[in-house]
């Protein structure tokens, strides 16, 4: 049985006013929008989190993208919460992951 895992372990730091892009992947089961929550602090950080394929019928919450242009210095925190679907052979499992991105001038 594959264990729930969110990768990478950490996200790269960012530079104020410079476009930022990073990928996050969830392994160990299928995740969808009904079982996925996130929070980015501070609210107007300039970074957004979105599932790959947003706006298409191939949207996937197992492959996420962090992108945008940081508008604040200091630390941006991204908290992910989610769960996977259970099947006959594999129970659904929850995951939780917090990323911190340091933003420098």
PDB file of N, CA and C in Angstrom:
ATOM      1  N   UNK A   1       0.843  -1.186   0.000  1.00  0.00           N
ATOM      2  CA  UNK A   1       0.000   0.000   0.000  1.00  0.00           C
ATOM      3  C   UNK A   1       0.892   1.255   0.000  1.00  0.00           C
ATOM      4  N   UNK A   2       0.637   2.151  -0.925  1.00  0.00           N
ATOM      5  CA  UNK A   2       1.409   3.380  -1.031  1.00  0.00           C
ATOM      6  C   UNK A   2       1.040   4.311   0.119  1.00  0.00           C
ATOM      7  N   UNK A   3       2.043   4.946   0.729  1.00  0.00           N
ATOM      8  CA  UNK A   3       1.719   5.864   1.820  1.00  0.00           C
ATOM      9  C   UNK A   3       1.414   7.254   1.270  1.00  0.00           C
ATOM     10  N   UNK A   4       0.594   7.997   2.011  1.00  0.00           N
ATOM     11  CA  UNK A   4       0.269   9.367   1.618  1.00  0.00           C
ATOM     12  C   UNK A   4       1.533  10.192   1.718  1.00  0.00           C
ATOM     13  N   UNK A   5       1.797  10.955   0.684  1.00  0.00           N
ATOM     14  CA  UNK A   5       2.990  11.788   0.712  1.00  0.00           C
ATOM     15  C   UNK A   5       2.750  13.034  -0.117  1.00  0.00           C
ATOM     16  N   UNK A   6       3.201  14.154   0.405  1.00  0.00           N
ATOM     17  CA  UNK A   6       3.138  15.407  -0.329  1.00  0.00           C
ATOM     18  C   UNK A   6       4.579  15.828  -0.593  1.00  0.00           C
ATOM     19  N   UNK A   7       4.928  16.039  -1.866  1.00  0.00           N
ATOM     20  CA  UNK A   7       6.287  16.404  -2.232  1.00  0.00           C
ATOM     21  C   UNK A   7       6.277  17.694  -3.021  1.00  0.00           C
ATOM     22  N   UNK A   8       7.329  18.469  -3.003  1.00  0.00           N
ATOM     23  CA  UNK A   8       8.605  18.238  -2.321  1.00  0.00           C
ATOM     24  C   UNK A   8       8.502  18.502  -0.823  1.00  0.00           C
ATOM     25  N   UNK A   9       9.586  18.203  -0.112  1.00  0.00           N
ATOM     26  CA  UNK A   9       9.618  18.436   1.336  1.00  0.00           C
ATOM     27  C   UNK A   9       9.481  19.923   1.647  1.00  0.00           C
ATOM     28  N   UNK A  10      10.113  20.772   0.825  1.00  0.00           N
ATOM     29  CA  UNK A  10      10.026  22.214   1.037  1.00  0.00           C
ATOM     30  C   UNK A  10       9.996  22.914  -0.314  1.00  0.00           C
ATOM     31  N   UNK A  11       9.553  24.160  -0.312  1.00  0.00           N
ATOM     32  CA  UNK A  11       9.491  24.949  -1.539  1.00  0.00           C
ATOM     33  C   UNK A  11      10.640  25.953  -1.554  1.00  0.00           C
ATOM     34  N   UNK A  12      11.100  26.332  -2.751  1.00  0.00           N
ATOM     35  CA  UNK A  12      12.197  27.300  -2.834  1.00  0.00           C
ATOM     36  C   UNK A  12      11.785  28.674  -2.306  1.00  0.00           C
ATOM     37  N   UNK A  13      12.765  29.433  -1.863  1.00  0.00           N
ATOM     38  CA  UNK A  13      12.502  30.796  -1.411  1.00  0.00           C
ATOM     39  C   UNK A  13      12.164  31.669  -2.615  1.00  0.00           C
ATOM     40  N   UNK A  14      11.636  32.852  -2.341  1.00  0.00           N
ATOM     41  CA  UNK A  14      11.194  33.746  -3.402  1.00  0.00           C
ATOM     42  C   UNK A  14      11.855  35.108  -3.251  1.00  0.00           C
ATOM     43  N   UNK A  15      11.770  35.899  -4.308  1.00  0.00           N
ATOM     44  CA  UNK A  15      12.301  37.258  -4.285  1.00  0.00           C
ATOM     45  C   UNK A  15      11.149  38.215  -4.565  1.00  0.00           C
ATOM     46  N   UNK A  16      11.040  39.238  -3.744  1.00  0.00           N
ATOM     47  CA  UNK A  16       9.976  40.229  -3.865  1.00  0.00           C
ATOM     48  C   UNK A  16       9.896  40.761  -5.294  1.00  0.00           C
ATOM     49  N   UNK A  17       8.689  40.747  -5.876  1.00  0.00           N
ATOM     50  CA  UNK A  17       8.480  41.313  -7.201  1.00  0.00           C
ATOM     51  C   UNK A  17       8.954  40.458  -8.364  1.00  0.00           C
ATOM     52  N   UNK A  18       9.460  39.256  -8.076  1.00  0.00           N
ATOM     53  CA  UNK A  18       9.954  38.364  -9.129  1.00  0.00           C
ATOM     54  C   UNK A  18       8.988  37.192  -9.290  1.00  0.00           C
ATOM     55  N   UNK A  19       8.536  36.902 -10.521  1.00  0.00           N
ATOM     56  CA  UNK A  19       7.591  35.799 -10.711  1.00  0.00           C
ATOM     57  C   UNK A  19       8.094  34.501 -10.080  1.00  0.00           C
ATOM     58  N   UNK A  20       7.169  33.775  -9.429  1.00  0.00           N
ATOM     59  CA  UNK A  20       7.505  32.570  -8.677  1.00  0.00           C
ATOM     60  C   UNK A  20       6.694  31.409  -9.235  1.00  0.00           C
ATOM     61  N   UNK A  21       7.310  30.231  -9.277  1.00  0.00           N
ATOM     62  CA  UNK A  21       6.600  29.037  -9.724  1.00  0.00           C
ATOM     63  C   UNK A  21       7.183  27.820  -9.022  1.00  0.00           C
ATOM     64  N   UNK A  22       6.312  26.986  -8.496  1.00  0.00           N
ATOM     65  CA  UNK A  22       6.755  25.729  -7.890  1.00  0.00           C
ATOM     66  C   UNK A  22       5.642  24.702  -8.044  1.00  0.00           C
ATOM     67  N   UNK A  23       6.028  23.429  -8.078  1.00  0.00           N
ATOM     68  CA  UNK A  23       5.051  22.349  -8.194  1.00  0.00           C
ATOM     69  C   UNK A  23       4.974  21.586  -6.875  1.00  0.00           C
ATOM     70  N   UNK A  24       3.763  21.140  -6.547  1.00  0.00           N
ATOM     71  CA  UNK A  24       3.541  20.281  -5.383  1.00  0.00           C
ATOM     72  C   UNK A  24       2.771  19.062  -5.891  1.00  0.00           C
ATOM     73  N   UNK A  25       3.173  17.878  -5.445  1.00  0.00           N
ATOM     74  CA  UNK A  25       2.479  16.670  -5.876  1.00  0.00           C
ATOM     75  C   UNK A  25       2.037  15.860  -4.669  1.00  0.00           C
ATOM     76  N   UNK A  26       0.832  15.289  -4.783  1.00  0.00           N
ATOM     77  CA  UNK A  26       0.264  14.446  -3.728  1.00  0.00           C
ATOM     78  C   UNK A  26       0.255  13.008  -4.238  1.00  0.00           C
ATOM     79  N   UNK A  27       0.920  12.130  -3.487  1.00  0.00           N
ATOM     80  CA  UNK A  27       1.009  10.718  -3.864  1.00  0.00           C
ATOM     81  C   UNK A  27       0.237   9.865  -2.861  1.00  0.00           C
ATOM     82  N   UNK A  28      -0.240   8.713  -3.313  1.00  0.00           N
ATOM     83  CA  UNK A  28      -0.848   7.761  -2.389  1.00  0.00           C
ATOM     84  C   UNK A  28      -2.359   7.689  -2.466  1.00  0.00           C
ATOM     85  N   UNK A  29      -2.946   8.254  -3.509  1.00  0.00           N
ATOM     86  CA  UNK A  29      -4.391   8.166  -3.664  1.00  0.00           C
ATOM     87  C   UNK A  29      -4.926   9.318  -4.488  1.00  0.00           C
ATOM     88  N   UNK A  30      -6.180   9.208  -4.884  1.00  0.00           N
ATOM     89  CA  UNK A  30      -6.804  10.223  -5.728  1.00  0.00           C
ATOM     90  C   UNK A  30      -7.441  11.310  -4.867  1.00  0.00           C
ATOM     91  N   UNK A  31      -7.109  12.561  -5.145  1.00  0.00           N
ATOM     92  CA  UNK A  31      -7.644  13.702  -4.417  1.00  0.00           C
ATOM     93  C   UNK A  31      -8.482  14.549  -5.366  1.00  0.00           C
ATOM     94  N   UNK A  32      -9.633  15.048  -4.902  1.00  0.00           N
ATOM     95  CA  UNK A  32     -10.418  15.948  -5.745  1.00  0.00           C
ATOM     96  C   UNK A  32     -10.815  17.189  -4.951  1.00  0.00           C
ATOM     97  N   UNK A  33     -11.509  18.113  -5.607  1.00  0.00           N
ATOM     98  CA  UNK A  33     -11.803  19.401  -4.971  1.00  0.00           C
ATOM     99  C   UNK A  33     -12.697  19.278  -3.748  1.00  0.00           C
ATOM    100  N   UNK A  34     -13.491  18.215  -3.650  1.00  0.00           N
ATOM    101  CA  UNK A  34     -14.350  18.050  -2.477  1.00  0.00           C
ATOM    102  C   UNK A  34     -13.557  17.648  -1.238  1.00  0.00           C
ATOM    103  N   UNK A  35     -12.353  17.152  -1.450  1.00  0.00           N
ATOM    104  CA  UNK A  35     -11.524  16.671  -0.345  1.00  0.00           C
ATOM    105  C   UNK A  35     -10.235  17.466  -0.211  1.00  0.00           C
ATOM    106  N   UNK A  36     -10.227  18.688  -0.706  1.00  0.00           N
ATOM    107  CA  UNK A  36      -8.988  19.452  -0.715  1.00  0.00           C
ATOM    108  C   UNK A  36      -9.232  20.876  -0.231  1.00  0.00           C
ATOM    109  N   UNK A  37      -8.402  21.315   0.701  1.00  0.00           N
ATOM    110  CA  UNK A  37      -8.505  22.674   1.241  1.00  0.00           C
ATOM    111  C   UNK A  37      -7.104  23.247   1.352  1.00  0.00           C
ATOM    112  N   UNK A  38      -7.002  24.558   1.211  1.00  0.00           N
ATOM    113  CA  UNK A  38      -5.704  25.181   1.418  1.00  0.00           C
ATOM    114  C   UNK A  38      -5.887  26.584   1.950  1.00  0.00           C
ATOM    115  N   UNK A  39      -4.824  27.106   2.529  1.00  0.00           N
ATOM    116  CA  UNK A  39      -4.838  28.454   3.075  1.00  0.00           C
ATOM    117  C   UNK A  39      -3.469  29.062   2.824  1.00  0.00           C
ATOM    118  N   UNK A  40      -3.441  30.289   2.295  1.00  0.00           N
ATOM    119  CA  UNK A  40      -2.179  31.003   2.086  1.00  0.00           C
ATOM    120  C   UNK A  40      -2.210  32.251   2.945  1.00  0.00           C
ATOM    121  N   UNK A  41      -1.183  32.430   3.771  1.00  0.00           N
ATOM    122  CA  UNK A  41      -1.068  33.612   4.619  1.00  0.00           C
ATOM    123  C   UNK A  41       0.263  34.287   4.364  1.00  0.00           C
ATOM    124  N   UNK A  42       0.367  35.600   4.337  1.00  0.00           N
ATOM    125  CA  UNK A  42      -0.749  36.540   4.429  1.00  0.00           C
ATOM    126  C   UNK A  42      -1.631  36.490   3.178  1.00  0.00           C
ATOM    127  N   UNK A  43      -2.877  36.947   3.317  1.00  0.00           N
ATOM    128  CA  UNK A  43      -3.864  36.824   2.243  1.00  0.00           C
ATOM    129  C   UNK A  43      -3.446  37.482   0.935  1.00  0.00           C
ATOM    130  N   UNK A  44      -2.888  38.654   0.983  1.00  0.00           N
ATOM    131  CA  UNK A  44      -2.526  39.361  -0.257  1.00  0.00           C
ATOM    132  C   UNK A  44      -1.031  39.200  -0.570  1.00  0.00           C
ATOM    133  N   UNK A  45      -0.540  37.968  -0.452  1.00  0.00           N
ATOM    134  CA  UNK A  45       0.887  37.695  -0.644  1.00  0.00           C
ATOM    135  C   UNK A  45       1.318  37.816  -2.100  1.00  0.00           C
ATOM    136  N   UNK A  46       0.369  37.665  -3.027  1.00  0.00           N
ATOM    137  CA  UNK A  46       0.709  37.668  -4.449  1.00  0.00           C
ATOM    138  C   UNK A  46       0.834  36.263  -5.015  1.00  0.00           C
ATOM    139  N   UNK A  47       0.871  35.241  -4.148  1.00  0.00           N
ATOM    140  CA  UNK A  47       0.967  33.857  -4.626  1.00  0.00           C
ATOM    141  C   UNK A  47      -0.407  33.200  -4.613  1.00  0.00           C
ATOM    142  N   UNK A  48      -0.621  32.335  -5.588  1.00  0.00           N
ATOM    143  CA  UNK A  48      -1.856  31.569  -5.705  1.00  0.00           C
ATOM    144  C   UNK A  48      -1.505  30.097  -5.800  1.00  0.00           C
ATOM    145  N   UNK A  49      -2.440  29.260  -5.351  1.00  0.00           N
ATOM    146  CA  UNK A  49      -2.267  27.812  -5.498  1.00  0.00           C
ATOM    147  C   UNK A  49      -3.381  27.332  -6.409  1.00  0.00           C
ATOM    148  N   UNK A  50      -3.055  26.554  -7.416  1.00  0.00           N
ATOM    149  CA  UNK A  50      -4.117  26.021  -8.258  1.00  0.00           C
ATOM    150  C   UNK A  50      -3.787  24.607  -8.705  1.00  0.00           C
ATOM    151  N   UNK A  51      -4.832  23.808  -8.914  1.00  0.00           N
ATOM    152  CA  UNK A  51      -4.618  22.463  -9.435  1.00  0.00           C
ATOM    153  C   UNK A  51      -4.220  22.553 -10.900  1.00  0.00           C
ATOM    154  N   UNK A  52      -3.399  21.618 -11.347  1.00  0.00           N
ATOM    155  CA  UNK A  52      -2.999  21.597 -12.745  1.00  0.00           C
ATOM    156  C   UNK A  52      -4.231  21.301 -13.603  1.00  0.00           C
ATOM    157  N   UNK A  53      -4.326  21.990 -14.726  1.00  0.00           N
ATOM    158  CA  UNK A  53      -5.443  21.740 -15.642  1.00  0.00           C
ATOM    159  C   UNK A  53      -6.714  22.475 -15.254  1.00  0.00           C
ATOM    160  N   UNK A  54      -6.622  23.442 -14.349  1.00  0.00           N
ATOM    161  CA  UNK A  54      -7.803  24.183 -13.920  1.00  0.00           C
ATOM    162  C   UNK A  54      -8.510  24.766 -15.137  1.00  0.00           C
ATOM    163  N   UNK A  55      -9.832  24.604 -15.194  1.00  0.00           N
ATOM    164  CA  UNK A  55     -10.592  25.123 -16.319  1.00  0.00           C
ATOM    165  C   UNK A  55     -10.762  24.109 -17.443  1.00  0.00           C
ATOM    166  N   UNK A  56     -10.144  22.930 -17.285  1.00  0.00           N
ATOM    167  CA  UNK A  56     -10.328  21.863 -18.271  1.00  0.00           C
ATOM    168  C   UNK A  56     -10.990  20.687 -17.568  1.00  0.00           C
ATOM    169  N   UNK A  57     -11.395  19.696 -18.346  1.00  0.00           N
ATOM    170  CA  UNK A  57     -11.995  18.524 -17.694  1.00  0.00           C
ATOM    171  C   UNK A  57     -10.929  17.596 -17.119  1.00  0.00           C
ATOM    172  N   UNK A  58      -9.657  17.960 -17.323  1.00  0.00           N
ATOM    173  CA  UNK A  58      -8.565  17.126 -16.816  1.00  0.00           C
ATOM    174  C   UNK A  58      -7.921  17.719 -15.567  1.00  0.00           C
ATOM    175  N   UNK A  59      -8.686  18.509 -14.816  1.00  0.00           N
ATOM    176  CA  UNK A  59      -8.148  19.130 -13.610  1.00  0.00           C
ATOM    177  C   UNK A  59      -7.720  18.047 -12.614  1.00  0.00           C
ATOM    178  N   UNK A  60      -6.562  18.234 -11.973  1.00  0.00           N
ATOM    179  CA  UNK A  60      -6.091  17.261 -11.005  1.00  0.00           C
ATOM    180  C   UNK A  60      -5.582  17.939  -9.736  1.00  0.00           C
ATOM    181  N   UNK A  61      -6.123  17.518  -8.608  1.00  0.00           N
ATOM    182  CA  UNK A  61      -5.704  18.052  -7.317  1.00  0.00           C
ATOM    183  C   UNK A  61      -4.525  17.275  -6.738  1.00  0.00           C
ATOM    184  N   UNK A  62      -4.001  16.304  -7.493  1.00  0.00           N
ATOM    185  CA  UNK A  62      -2.789  15.606  -7.085  1.00  0.00           C
ATOM    186  C   UNK A  62      -1.553  16.337  -7.600  1.00  0.00           C
ATOM    187  N   UNK A  63      -1.750  17.230  -8.556  1.00  0.00           N
ATOM    188  CA  UNK A  63      -0.652  18.005  -9.132  1.00  0.00           C
ATOM    189  C   UNK A  63      -1.016  19.474  -8.989  1.00  0.00           C
ATOM    190  N   UNK A  64      -0.333  20.159  -8.090  1.00  0.00           N
ATOM    191  CA  UNK A  64      -0.660  21.546  -7.773  1.00  0.00           C
ATOM    192  C   UNK A  64       0.457  22.468  -8.227  1.00  0.00           C
ATOM    193  N   UNK A  65       0.084  23.726  -8.480  1.00  0.00           N
ATOM    194  CA  UNK A  65       1.071  24.720  -8.883  1.00  0.00           C
ATOM    195  C   UNK A  65       0.941  25.945  -7.980  1.00  0.00           C
ATOM    196  N   UNK A  66       2.074  26.413  -7.510  1.00  0.00           N
ATOM    197  CA  UNK A  66       2.126  27.660  -6.751  1.00  0.00           C
ATOM    198  C   UNK A  66       2.730  28.679  -7.701  1.00  0.00           C
ATOM    199  N   UNK A  67       1.985  29.755  -7.958  1.00  0.00           N
ATOM    200  CA  UNK A  67       2.548  30.751  -8.867  1.00  0.00           C
ATOM    201  C   UNK A  67       2.048  32.143  -8.524  1.00  0.00           C
ATOM    202  N   UNK A  68       2.766  33.122  -9.048  1.00  0.00           N
ATOM    203  CA  UNK A  68       2.411  34.504  -8.798  1.00  0.00           C
ATOM    204  C   UNK A  68       3.673  35.315  -8.593  1.00  0.00           C
ATOM    205  N   UNK A  69       3.479  36.559  -8.189  1.00  0.00           N
ATOM    206  CA  UNK A  69       4.602  37.444  -7.926  1.00  0.00           C
ATOM    207  C   UNK A  69       4.485  37.928  -6.486  1.00  0.00           C
ATOM    208  N   UNK A  70       5.416  37.530  -5.608  1.00  0.00           N
ATOM    209  CA  UNK A  70       5.329  37.917  -4.201  1.00  0.00           C
ATOM    210  C   UNK A  70       5.262  39.435  -4.019  1.00  0.00           C
ATOM    211  N   UNK A  71       4.307  39.870  -3.190  1.00  0.00           N
ATOM    212  CA  UNK A  71       4.106  41.299  -2.930  1.00  0.00           C
ATOM    213  C   UNK A  71       4.499  41.675  -1.507  1.00  0.00           C
ATOM    214  N   UNK A  72       4.961  40.691  -0.743  1.00  0.00           N
ATOM    215  CA  UNK A  72       5.336  40.944   0.655  1.00  0.00           C
ATOM    216  C   UNK A  72       6.700  40.318   0.919  1.00  0.00           C
ATOM    217  N   UNK A  73       7.459  40.893   1.874  1.00  0.00           N
ATOM    218  CA  UNK A  73       8.693  40.238   2.297  1.00  0.00           C
ATOM    219  C   UNK A  73       8.385  39.491   3.584  1.00  0.00           C
ATOM    220  N   UNK A  74       9.299  38.635   3.987  1.00  0.00           N
ATOM    221  CA  UNK A  74       9.063  37.846   5.192  1.00  0.00           C
ATOM    222  C   UNK A  74       8.692  36.434   4.793  1.00  0.00           C
ATOM    223  N   UNK A  75       7.694  35.876   5.475  1.00  0.00           N
ATOM    224  CA  UNK A  75       7.333  34.481   5.251  1.00  0.00           C
ATOM    225  C   UNK A  75       5.911  34.358   4.717  1.00  0.00           C
ATOM    226  N   UNK A  76       5.755  33.558   3.675  1.00  0.00           N
ATOM    227  CA  UNK A  76       4.428  33.187   3.178  1.00  0.00           C
ATOM    228  C   UNK A  76       4.217  31.734   3.584  1.00  0.00           C
ATOM    229  N   UNK A  77       3.086  31.453   4.191  1.00  0.00           N
ATOM    230  CA  UNK A  77       2.780  30.101   4.645  1.00  0.00           C
ATOM    231  C   UNK A  77       1.649  29.517   3.805  1.00  0.00           C
ATOM    232  N   UNK A  78       1.847  28.317   3.316  1.00  0.00           N
ATOM    233  CA  UNK A  78       0.816  27.609   2.556  1.00  0.00           C
ATOM    234  C   UNK A  78       0.487  26.332   3.319  1.00  0.00           C
ATOM    235  N   UNK A  79      -0.781  26.214   3.746  1.00  0.00           N
ATOM    236  CA  UNK A  79      -1.217  25.001   4.446  1.00  0.00           C
ATOM    237  C   UNK A  79      -2.141  24.214   3.533  1.00  0.00           C
ATOM    238  N   UNK A  80      -1.860  22.938   3.371  1.00  0.00           N
ATOM    239  CA  UNK A  80      -2.684  22.046   2.561  1.00  0.00           C
ATOM    240  C   UNK A  80      -3.345  21.020   3.465  1.00  0.00           C
ATOM    241  N   UNK A  81      -4.614  20.729   3.206  1.00  0.00           N
ATOM    242  CA  UNK A  81      -5.334  19.680   3.913  1.00  0.00           C
ATOM    243  C   UNK A  81      -6.103  18.914   2.860  1.00  0.00           C
ATOM    244  N   UNK A  82      -6.151  17.612   3.006  1.00  0.00           N
ATOM    245  CA  UNK A  82      -6.934  16.876   2.026  1.00  0.00           C
ATOM    246  C   UNK A  82      -7.129  15.444   2.437  1.00  0.00           C
ATOM    247  N   UNK A  83      -7.854  14.759   1.591  1.00  0.00           N
ATOM    248  CA  UNK A  83      -8.100  13.344   1.815  1.00  0.00           C
ATOM    249  C   UNK A  83      -8.187  12.651   0.477  1.00  0.00           C
ATOM    250  N   UNK A  84      -8.003  11.349   0.506  1.00  0.00           N
ATOM    251  CA  UNK A  84      -8.109  10.567  -0.724  1.00  0.00           C
ATOM    252  C   UNK A  84      -9.347   9.694  -0.636  1.00  0.00           C
ATOM    253  N   UNK A  85      -9.805   9.294  -1.799  1.00  0.00           N
ATOM    254  CA  UNK A  85     -10.945   8.391  -1.866  1.00  0.00           C
ATOM    255  C   UNK A  85     -10.560   7.016  -1.359  1.00  0.00           C
ATOM    256  N   UNK A  86     -11.462   6.390  -0.638  1.00  0.00           N
ATOM    257  CA  UNK A  86     -11.247   5.006  -0.241  1.00  0.00           C
ATOM    258  C   UNK A  86     -11.786   4.089  -1.325  1.00  0.00           C
ATOM    259  N   UNK A  87     -11.178   2.906  -1.438  1.00  0.00           N
ATOM    260  CA  UNK A  87     -11.660   1.885  -2.375  1.00  0.00           C
ATOM    261  C   UNK A  87     -11.807   0.588  -1.591  1.00  0.00           C
ATOM    262  N   UNK A  88     -12.248  -0.452  -2.249  1.00  0.00           N
ATOM    263  CA  UNK A  88     -12.407  -1.743  -1.580  1.00  0.00           C
ATOM    264  C   UNK A  88     -11.087  -2.218  -0.981  1.00  0.00           C
ATOM    265  N   UNK A  89      -9.981  -1.960  -1.668  1.00  0.00           N
ATOM    266  CA  UNK A  89      -8.697  -2.498  -1.225  1.00  0.00           C
ATOM    267  C   UNK A  89      -7.861  -1.496  -0.434  1.00  0.00           C
ATOM    268  N   UNK A  90      -8.258  -0.238  -0.429  1.00  0.00           N
ATOM    269  CA  UNK A  90      -7.425   0.781   0.195  1.00  0.00           C
ATOM    270  C   UNK A  90      -8.309   1.837   0.864  1.00  0.00           C
ATOM    271  N   UNK A  91      -8.173   2.021   2.174  1.00  0.00           N
ATOM    272  CA  UNK A  91      -8.998   3.032   2.832  1.00  0.00           C
ATOM    273  C   UNK A  91      -8.578   4.443   2.423  1.00  0.00           C
ATOM    274  N   UNK A  92      -9.509   5.374   2.439  1.00  0.00           N
ATOM    275  CA  UNK A  92      -9.160   6.763   2.171  1.00  0.00           C
ATOM    276  C   UNK A  92      -8.285   7.277   3.303  1.00  0.00           C
ATOM    277  N   UNK A  93      -7.370   8.161   2.979  1.00  0.00           N
ATOM    278  CA  UNK A  93      -6.469   8.688   4.002  1.00  0.00           C
ATOM    279  C   UNK A  93      -6.382  10.196   3.901  1.00  0.00           C
ATOM    280  N   UNK A  94      -6.103  10.816   5.023  1.00  0.00           N
ATOM    281  CA  UNK A  94      -5.977  12.262   5.065  1.00  0.00           C
ATOM    282  C   UNK A  94      -4.515  12.662   5.000  1.00  0.00           C
ATOM    283  N   UNK A  95      -4.280  13.856   4.509  1.00  0.00           N
ATOM    284  CA  UNK A  95      -2.934  14.403   4.536  1.00  0.00           C
ATOM    285  C   UNK A  95      -2.980  15.860   4.948  1.00  0.00           C
ATOM    286  N   UNK A  96      -1.873  16.306   5.480  1.00  0.00           N
ATOM    287  CA  UNK A  96      -1.737  17.684   5.925  1.00  0.00           C
ATOM    288  C   UNK A  96      -0.292  18.077   5.674  1.00  0.00           C
ATOM    289  N   UNK A  97      -0.064  19.274   5.153  1.00  0.00           N
ATOM    290  CA  UNK A  97       1.308  19.702   4.874  1.00  0.00           C
ATOM    291  C   UNK A  97       1.349  21.222   4.964  1.00  0.00           C
ATOM    292  N   UNK A  98       2.401  21.738   5.595  1.00  0.00           N
ATOM    293  CA  UNK A  98       2.591  23.181   5.668  1.00  0.00           C
ATOM    294  C   UNK A  98       3.919  23.531   5.011  1.00  0.00           C
ATOM    295  N   UNK A  99       3.861  24.477   4.102  1.00  0.00           N
ATOM    296  CA  UNK A  99       5.066  24.989   3.447  1.00  0.00           C
ATOM    297  C   UNK A  99       5.295  26.435   3.897  1.00  0.00           C
ATOM    298  N   UNK A 100       6.546  26.795   4.078  1.00  0.00           N
ATOM    299  CA  UNK A 100       6.864  28.202   4.313  1.00  0.00           C
ATOM    300  C   UNK A 100       7.844  28.644   3.239  1.00  0.00           C
ATOM    301  N   UNK A 101       7.542  29.785   2.651  1.00  0.00           N
ATOM    302  CA  UNK A 101       8.390  30.354   1.606  1.00  0.00           C
ATOM    303  C   UNK A 101       8.934  31.662   2.135  1.00  0.00           C
ATOM    304  N   UNK A 102      10.235  31.768   2.196  1.00  0.00           N
ATOM    305  CA  UNK A 102      10.859  33.030   2.619  1.00  0.00           C
ATOM    306  C   UNK A 102      10.959  33.962   1.428  1.00  0.00           C
ATOM    307  N   UNK A 103      10.478  35.177   1.606  1.00  0.00           N
ATOM    308  CA  UNK A 103      10.540  36.158   0.519  1.00  0.00           C
ATOM    309  C   UNK A 103      11.540  37.236   0.898  1.00  0.00           C
ATOM    310  N   UNK A 104      12.550  37.391   0.060  1.00  0.00           N
ATOM    311  CA  UNK A 104      13.601  38.393   0.318  1.00  0.00           C
ATOM    312  C   UNK A 104      13.530  39.490  -0.729  1.00  0.00           C
ATOM    313  N   UNK A 105      14.076  40.647  -0.378  1.00  0.00           N
ATOM    314  CA  UNK A 105      14.083  41.770  -1.322  1.00  0.00           C
ATOM    315  C   UNK A 105      15.160  41.588  -2.375  1.00  0.00           C
TER     316      UNK A 105
END
